[in-house]
Amino acid sequence: MHVRRAVRVTVAVVTLVVLAWAVIVGDVVATARHEGAAPADAIAVLGAAQYNGRPSPVFRARLDKAAALYHAGTAPVVLVTGGIGNRDTVSEAEVGRRYLTQHGLPATAVTALPPAATTVASITQLGAWFRDRPGKRVVLVSDGFHLLRLRILAGRQGLVPFTSPARDSPISANPRTNAAYLAAEGLKVPVAWLFYR
């Protein structure tokens, strides 16, 4: 009898966990598909890999989206985040800054934030940039799967976040890869919500 009860409780708990995960993934997907850019004080691009000073295709898609938003008058400045990889001498943020200025953005309108190795660290650097400024509205640009977690973390920094997916990213173009990232966010989002306050 005790064994049957234990089995029923275990099945119920697992079912609830799976349902909660599915609901979160549904939220991640909805955010990934939604173009939420709005007039803001800054556009922030989340870093991705760079190769010898050239942004990877994923990073380039994010930077191109940020440039399009800037040219559309969404915000007067673009902030680029990103860390320094093994054997690299320059940060993703600096590579992104150079890319944007080489592609038509004024140097005064692009800022590379200090190197940050994780998403949390990048959003913390973003919060620090905004800290003494009156405006707190920011458009976050990244791959769609990333955006719900970014919005939560940015809100924890006292920012007013809007999200804008880089739809031309190779990740979005590959259904299997994109699905894997979306599924992983079902675990990462609750961690961000629970532990980063």
C-alpha atoms as a PDB file:
ATOM      1  CA  MET A   1       0.000   0.000   0.000  1.00  0.00           C
ATOM      2  CA  HIS A   2       2.800   2.413   0.931  1.00  0.00           C
ATOM      3  CA  VAL A   3       4.604   1.567  -2.310  1.00  0.00           C
ATOM      4  CA  ARG A   4       1.508   2.339  -4.387  1.00  0.00           C
ATOM      5  CA  ARG A   5       1.026   5.644  -2.590  1.00  0.00           C
ATOM      6  CA  ALA A   6       4.670   6.555  -3.144  1.00  0.00           C
ATOM      7  CA  VAL A   7       4.346   5.719  -6.834  1.00  0.00           C
ATOM      8  CA  ARG A   8       1.198   7.855  -7.165  1.00  0.00           C
ATOM      9  CA  VAL A   9       2.854  10.788  -5.396  1.00  0.00           C
ATOM     10  CA  THR A  10       5.953  10.471  -7.579  1.00  0.00           C
ATOM     11  CA  VAL A  11       3.877  10.347 -10.758  1.00  0.00           C
ATOM     12  CA  ALA A  12       1.854  13.369  -9.621  1.00  0.00           C
ATOM     13  CA  VAL A  13       4.994  15.382  -8.814  1.00  0.00           C
ATOM     14  CA  VAL A  14       6.671  14.480 -12.114  1.00  0.00           C
ATOM     15  CA  THR A  15       3.499  15.368 -14.008  1.00  0.00           C
ATOM     16  CA  LEU A  16       3.303  18.771 -12.301  1.00  0.00           C
ATOM     17  CA  VAL A  17       6.954  19.476 -13.027  1.00  0.00           C
ATOM     18  CA  VAL A  18       6.546  18.557 -16.697  1.00  0.00           C
ATOM     19  CA  LEU A  19       3.396  20.688 -16.986  1.00  0.00           C
ATOM     20  CA  ALA A  20       5.129  23.657 -15.358  1.00  0.00           C
ATOM     21  CA  TRP A  21       8.092  23.239 -17.712  1.00  0.00           C
ATOM     22  CA  ALA A  22       5.718  23.090 -20.715  1.00  0.00           C
ATOM     23  CA  VAL A  23       3.946  26.291 -19.616  1.00  0.00           C
ATOM     24  CA  ILE A  24       7.277  28.099 -19.249  1.00  0.00           C
ATOM     25  CA  VAL A  25       8.459  26.886 -22.661  1.00  0.00           C
ATOM     26  CA  GLY A  26       5.195  28.150 -24.109  1.00  0.00           C
ATOM     27  CA  ASP A  27       5.970  31.576 -22.619  1.00  0.00           C
ATOM     28  CA  VAL A  28       9.501  31.419 -24.030  1.00  0.00           C
ATOM     29  CA  VAL A  29       8.134  30.611 -27.496  1.00  0.00           C
ATOM     30  CA  ALA A  30       5.545  33.405 -27.338  1.00  0.00           C
ATOM     31  CA  THR A  31       8.215  35.935 -26.346  1.00  0.00           C
ATOM     32  CA  ALA A  32      10.569  34.635 -29.050  1.00  0.00           C
ATOM     33  CA  ARG A  33       7.940  35.246 -31.733  1.00  0.00           C
ATOM     34  CA  HIS A  34       6.882  38.691 -30.542  1.00  0.00           C
ATOM     35  CA  GLU A  35       8.443  41.863 -31.901  1.00  0.00           C
ATOM     36  CA  GLY A  36       8.264  44.099 -28.862  1.00  0.00           C
ATOM     37  CA  ALA A  37      10.598  46.941 -29.795  1.00  0.00           C
ATOM     38  CA  ALA A  38       9.354  50.345 -28.645  1.00  0.00           C
ATOM     39  CA  PRO A  39      10.894  53.812 -28.269  1.00  0.00           C
ATOM     40  CA  ALA A  40      13.606  53.509 -25.638  1.00  0.00           C
ATOM     41  CA  ASP A  41      16.666  55.125 -24.116  1.00  0.00           C
ATOM     42  CA  ALA A  42      19.014  52.448 -25.454  1.00  0.00           C
ATOM     43  CA  ILE A  43      19.195  49.275 -27.492  1.00  0.00           C
ATOM     44  CA  ALA A  44      21.215  46.467 -25.893  1.00  0.00           C
ATOM     45  CA  VAL A  45      22.694  43.636 -27.956  1.00  0.00           C
ATOM     46  CA  LEU A  46      23.612  40.432 -26.164  1.00  0.00           C
ATOM     47  CA  GLY A  47      27.004  39.127 -27.200  1.00  0.00           C
ATOM     48  CA  ALA A  48      27.775  35.868 -28.980  1.00  0.00           C
ATOM     49  CA  ALA A  49      30.918  34.281 -30.360  1.00  0.00           C
ATOM     50  CA  GLN A  50      33.440  36.223 -32.396  1.00  0.00           C
ATOM     51  CA  TYR A  51      36.276  34.853 -34.490  1.00  0.00           C
ATOM     52  CA  ASN A  52      39.490  36.851 -34.744  1.00  0.00           C
ATOM     53  CA  GLY A  53      37.619  40.120 -34.542  1.00  0.00           C
ATOM     54  CA  ARG A  54      34.712  39.082 -36.755  1.00  0.00           C
ATOM     55  CA  PRO A  55      31.282  38.432 -35.251  1.00  0.00           C
ATOM     56  CA  SER A  56      29.911  34.935 -35.709  1.00  0.00           C
ATOM     57  CA  PRO A  57      26.789  34.588 -37.882  1.00  0.00           C
ATOM     58  CA  VAL A  58      24.640  34.476 -34.725  1.00  0.00           C
ATOM     59  CA  PHE A  59      26.241  37.628 -33.320  1.00  0.00           C
ATOM     60  CA  ARG A  60      26.063  39.367 -36.695  1.00  0.00           C
ATOM     61  CA  ALA A  61      22.319  38.718 -36.920  1.00  0.00           C
ATOM     62  CA  ARG A  62      21.855  40.334 -33.502  1.00  0.00           C
ATOM     63  CA  LEU A  63      24.017  43.311 -34.428  1.00  0.00           C
ATOM     64  CA  ASP A  64      22.211  43.800 -37.740  1.00  0.00           C
ATOM     65  CA  LYS A  65      18.873  43.814 -35.920  1.00  0.00           C
ATOM     66  CA  ALA A  66      20.165  46.405 -33.453  1.00  0.00           C
ATOM     67  CA  ALA A  67      21.438  48.547 -36.333  1.00  0.00           C
ATOM     68  CA  ALA A  68      18.043  48.384 -38.036  1.00  0.00           C
ATOM     69  CA  LEU A  69      16.338  49.461 -34.818  1.00  0.00           C
ATOM     70  CA  TYR A  70      18.793  52.327 -34.400  1.00  0.00           C
ATOM     71  CA  HIS A  71      18.234  53.536 -37.968  1.00  0.00           C
ATOM     72  CA  ALA A  72      14.474  53.330 -37.371  1.00  0.00           C
ATOM     73  CA  GLY A  73      14.907  55.823 -34.512  1.00  0.00           C
ATOM     74  CA  THR A  74      14.076  53.366 -31.736  1.00  0.00           C
ATOM     75  CA  ALA A  75      16.838  54.665 -29.437  1.00  0.00           C
ATOM     76  CA  PRO A  76      19.809  57.063 -29.651  1.00  0.00           C
ATOM     77  CA  VAL A  77      22.461  54.587 -28.496  1.00  0.00           C
ATOM     78  CA  VAL A  78      23.360  50.917 -28.923  1.00  0.00           C
ATOM     79  CA  LEU A  79      25.045  49.074 -26.055  1.00  0.00           C
ATOM     80  CA  VAL A  80      26.924  45.881 -26.855  1.00  0.00           C
ATOM     81  CA  THR A  81      27.638  43.184 -24.262  1.00  0.00           C
ATOM     82  CA  GLY A  82      29.894  40.148 -24.328  1.00  0.00           C
ATOM     83  CA  GLY A  83      32.900  38.506 -22.805  1.00  0.00           C
ATOM     84  CA  ILE A  84      36.436  37.540 -23.779  1.00  0.00           C
ATOM     85  CA  GLY A  85      36.849  33.938 -24.912  1.00  0.00           C
ATOM     86  CA  ASN A  86      39.828  31.681 -24.370  1.00  0.00           C
ATOM     87  CA  ARG A  87      42.832  32.887 -26.370  1.00  0.00           C
ATOM     88  CA  ASP A  88      40.975  36.049 -27.396  1.00  0.00           C
ATOM     89  CA  THR A  89      42.462  39.482 -26.816  1.00  0.00           C
ATOM     90  CA  VAL A  90      39.317  41.483 -27.505  1.00  0.00           C
ATOM     91  CA  SER A  91      35.809  41.145 -26.089  1.00  0.00           C
ATOM     92  CA  GLU A  92      32.681  40.268 -28.031  1.00  0.00           C
ATOM     93  CA  ALA A  93      31.346  43.659 -26.959  1.00  0.00           C
ATOM     94  CA  GLU A  94      34.268  45.486 -28.586  1.00  0.00           C
ATOM     95  CA  VAL A  95      34.009  43.385 -31.750  1.00  0.00           C
ATOM     96  CA  GLY A  96      30.315  44.244 -31.902  1.00  0.00           C
ATOM     97  CA  ARG A  97      31.050  47.934 -31.410  1.00  0.00           C
ATOM     98  CA  ARG A  98      33.560  47.919 -34.269  1.00  0.00           C
ATOM     99  CA  TYR A  99      31.153  46.034 -36.524  1.00  0.00           C
ATOM    100  CA  LEU A 100      28.361  48.539 -35.946  1.00  0.00           C
ATOM    101  CA  THR A 101      30.569  51.576 -36.514  1.00  0.00           C
ATOM    102  CA  GLN A 102      31.949  50.005 -39.692  1.00  0.00           C
ATOM    103  CA  HIS A 103      28.371  49.498 -40.872  1.00  0.00           C
ATOM    104  CA  GLY A 104      27.139  53.040 -40.619  1.00  0.00           C
ATOM    105  CA  LEU A 105      26.447  53.816 -36.957  1.00  0.00           C
ATOM    106  CA  PRO A 106      28.201  56.894 -35.520  1.00  0.00           C
ATOM    107  CA  ALA A 107      30.961  56.030 -33.054  1.00  0.00           C
ATOM    108  CA  THR A 108      29.249  58.276 -30.503  1.00  0.00           C
ATOM    109  CA  ALA A 109      26.113  56.128 -30.713  1.00  0.00           C
ATOM    110  CA  VAL A 110      27.730  52.765 -29.896  1.00  0.00           C
ATOM    111  CA  THR A 111      29.182  51.688 -26.565  1.00  0.00           C
ATOM    112  CA  ALA A 112      30.909  48.416 -25.719  1.00  0.00           C
ATOM    113  CA  LEU A 113      30.091  47.534 -22.129  1.00  0.00           C
ATOM    114  CA  PRO A 114      32.804  46.012 -19.909  1.00  0.00           C
ATOM    115  CA  PRO A 115      33.429  42.310 -20.616  1.00  0.00           C
ATOM    116  CA  ALA A 116      30.922  39.929 -19.071  1.00  0.00           C
ATOM    117  CA  ALA A 117      31.142  36.146 -19.379  1.00  0.00           C
ATOM    118  CA  THR A 118      27.512  35.233 -18.643  1.00  0.00           C
ATOM    119  CA  THR A 119      24.021  36.481 -19.409  1.00  0.00           C
ATOM    120  CA  VAL A 120      23.560  37.527 -15.788  1.00  0.00           C
ATOM    121  CA  ALA A 121      26.850  39.432 -15.794  1.00  0.00           C
ATOM    122  CA  SER A 122      25.941  41.132 -19.083  1.00  0.00           C
ATOM    123  CA  ILE A 123      22.608  42.334 -17.728  1.00  0.00           C
ATOM    124  CA  THR A 124      24.341  43.479 -14.538  1.00  0.00           C
ATOM    125  CA  GLN A 125      26.710  45.596 -16.658  1.00  0.00           C
ATOM    126  CA  LEU A 126      23.693  46.942 -18.498  1.00  0.00           C
ATOM    127  CA  GLY A 127      22.053  47.896 -15.205  1.00  0.00           C
ATOM    128  CA  ALA A 128      25.249  49.664 -14.128  1.00  0.00           C
ATOM    129  CA  TRP A 129      25.266  51.728 -17.334  1.00  0.00           C
ATOM    130  CA  PHE A 130      21.698  52.866 -16.657  1.00  0.00           C
ATOM    131  CA  ARG A 131      22.123  53.419 -12.907  1.00  0.00           C
ATOM    132  CA  ASP A 132      22.717  57.172 -12.878  1.00  0.00           C
ATOM    133  CA  ARG A 133      20.641  57.934 -15.940  1.00  0.00           C
ATOM    134  CA  PRO A 134      17.052  59.129 -15.723  1.00  0.00           C
ATOM    135  CA  GLY A 135      15.704  56.908 -18.524  1.00  0.00           C
ATOM    136  CA  LYS A 136      15.411  53.168 -17.930  1.00  0.00           C
ATOM    137  CA  ARG A 137      13.774  51.952 -21.141  1.00  0.00           C
ATOM    138  CA  VAL A 138      15.831  49.402 -23.067  1.00  0.00           C
ATOM    139  CA  VAL A 139      15.227  47.237 -26.108  1.00  0.00           C
ATOM    140  CA  LEU A 140      16.949  43.880 -25.642  1.00  0.00           C
ATOM    141  CA  VAL A 141      18.163  42.232 -28.847  1.00  0.00           C
ATOM    142  CA  SER A 142      19.112  38.570 -28.956  1.00  0.00           C
ATOM    143  CA  ASP A 143      17.939  35.271 -30.356  1.00  0.00           C
ATOM    144  CA  GLY A 144      14.285  34.734 -29.595  1.00  0.00           C
ATOM    145  CA  PHE A 145      14.801  31.849 -27.175  1.00  0.00           C
ATOM    146  CA  HIS A 146      16.873  34.146 -24.936  1.00  0.00           C
ATOM    147  CA  LEU A 147      14.441  37.020 -24.577  1.00  0.00           C
ATOM    148  CA  LEU A 148      12.086  35.984 -21.768  1.00  0.00           C
ATOM    149  CA  ARG A 149      15.019  35.351 -19.420  1.00  0.00           C
ATOM    150  CA  LEU A 150      16.635  38.638 -20.453  1.00  0.00           C
ATOM    151  CA  ARG A 151      13.425  40.512 -19.729  1.00  0.00           C
ATOM    152  CA  ILE A 152      13.239  39.006 -16.228  1.00  0.00           C
ATOM    153  CA  LEU A 153      16.883  39.806 -15.459  1.00  0.00           C
ATOM    154  CA  ALA A 154      16.616  43.350 -16.820  1.00  0.00           C
ATOM    155  CA  GLY A 155      13.539  43.969 -14.702  1.00  0.00           C
ATOM    156  CA  ARG A 156      15.538  42.929 -11.646  1.00  0.00           C
ATOM    157  CA  GLN A 157      17.997  45.716 -12.524  1.00  0.00           C
ATOM    158  CA  GLY A 158      15.209  48.289 -12.374  1.00  0.00           C
ATOM    159  CA  LEU A 159      15.005  48.609 -16.156  1.00  0.00           C
ATOM    160  CA  VAL A 160      11.908  48.798 -18.338  1.00  0.00           C
ATOM    161  CA  PRO A 161      12.696  46.091 -20.911  1.00  0.00           C
ATOM    162  CA  PHE A 162      11.297  45.504 -24.388  1.00  0.00           C
ATOM    163  CA  THR A 163      12.379  42.546 -26.501  1.00  0.00           C
ATOM    164  CA  SER A 164      13.297  42.252 -30.157  1.00  0.00           C
ATOM    165  CA  PRO A 165      14.294  38.886 -31.657  1.00  0.00           C
ATOM    166  CA  ALA A 166      17.068  38.552 -34.229  1.00  0.00           C
ATOM    167  CA  ARG A 167      14.992  36.501 -36.639  1.00  0.00           C
ATOM    168  CA  ASP A 168      17.797  36.044 -39.177  1.00  0.00           C
ATOM    169  CA  SER A 169      20.008  34.170 -36.719  1.00  0.00           C
ATOM    170  CA  PRO A 170      21.193  30.717 -37.805  1.00  0.00           C
ATOM    171  CA  ILE A 171      19.763  29.374 -34.553  1.00  0.00           C
ATOM    172  CA  SER A 172      16.258  30.492 -35.487  1.00  0.00           C
ATOM    173  CA  ALA A 173      16.728  29.082 -38.994  1.00  0.00           C
ATOM    174  CA  ASN A 174      17.521  25.576 -37.676  1.00  0.00           C
ATOM    175  CA  PRO A 175      14.346  24.035 -36.168  1.00  0.00           C
ATOM    176  CA  ARG A 176      16.177  21.314 -34.245  1.00  0.00           C
ATOM    177  CA  THR A 177      18.768  23.653 -32.734  1.00  0.00           C
ATOM    178  CA  ASN A 178      16.145  26.265 -31.938  1.00  0.00           C
ATOM    179  CA  ALA A 179      13.917  23.670 -30.255  1.00  0.00           C
ATOM    180  CA  ALA A 180      16.814  22.539 -28.064  1.00  0.00           C
ATOM    181  CA  TYR A 181      17.486  26.121 -26.945  1.00  0.00           C
ATOM    182  CA  LEU A 182      13.795  26.726 -26.273  1.00  0.00           C
ATOM    183  CA  ALA A 183      13.560  23.545 -24.201  1.00  0.00           C
ATOM    184  CA  ALA A 184      16.628  24.511 -22.156  1.00  0.00           C
ATOM    185  CA  GLU A 185      15.089  27.887 -21.375  1.00  0.00           C
ATOM    186  CA  GLY A 186      12.246  26.014 -19.679  1.00  0.00           C
ATOM    187  CA  LEU A 187      14.784  25.287 -16.936  1.00  0.00           C
ATOM    188  CA  LYS A 188      16.825  28.504 -17.077  1.00  0.00           C
ATOM    189  CA  VAL A 189      13.881  30.896 -16.849  1.00  0.00           C
ATOM    190  CA  PRO A 190      12.635  29.684 -13.432  1.00  0.00           C
ATOM    191  CA  VAL A 191      16.208  29.796 -12.116  1.00  0.00           C
ATOM    192  CA  ALA A 192      16.488  33.430 -13.255  1.00  0.00           C
ATOM    193  CA  TRP A 193      13.116  34.245 -11.730  1.00  0.00           C
ATOM    194  CA  LEU A 194      13.829  32.551  -8.390  1.00  0.00           C
ATOM    195  CA  PHE A 195      17.469  33.345  -7.723  1.00  0.00           C
ATOM    196  CA  TYR A 196      18.392  36.638  -9.413  1.00  0.00           C
ATOM    197  CA  ARG A 197      16.630  39.416  -7.537  1.00  0.00           C
END
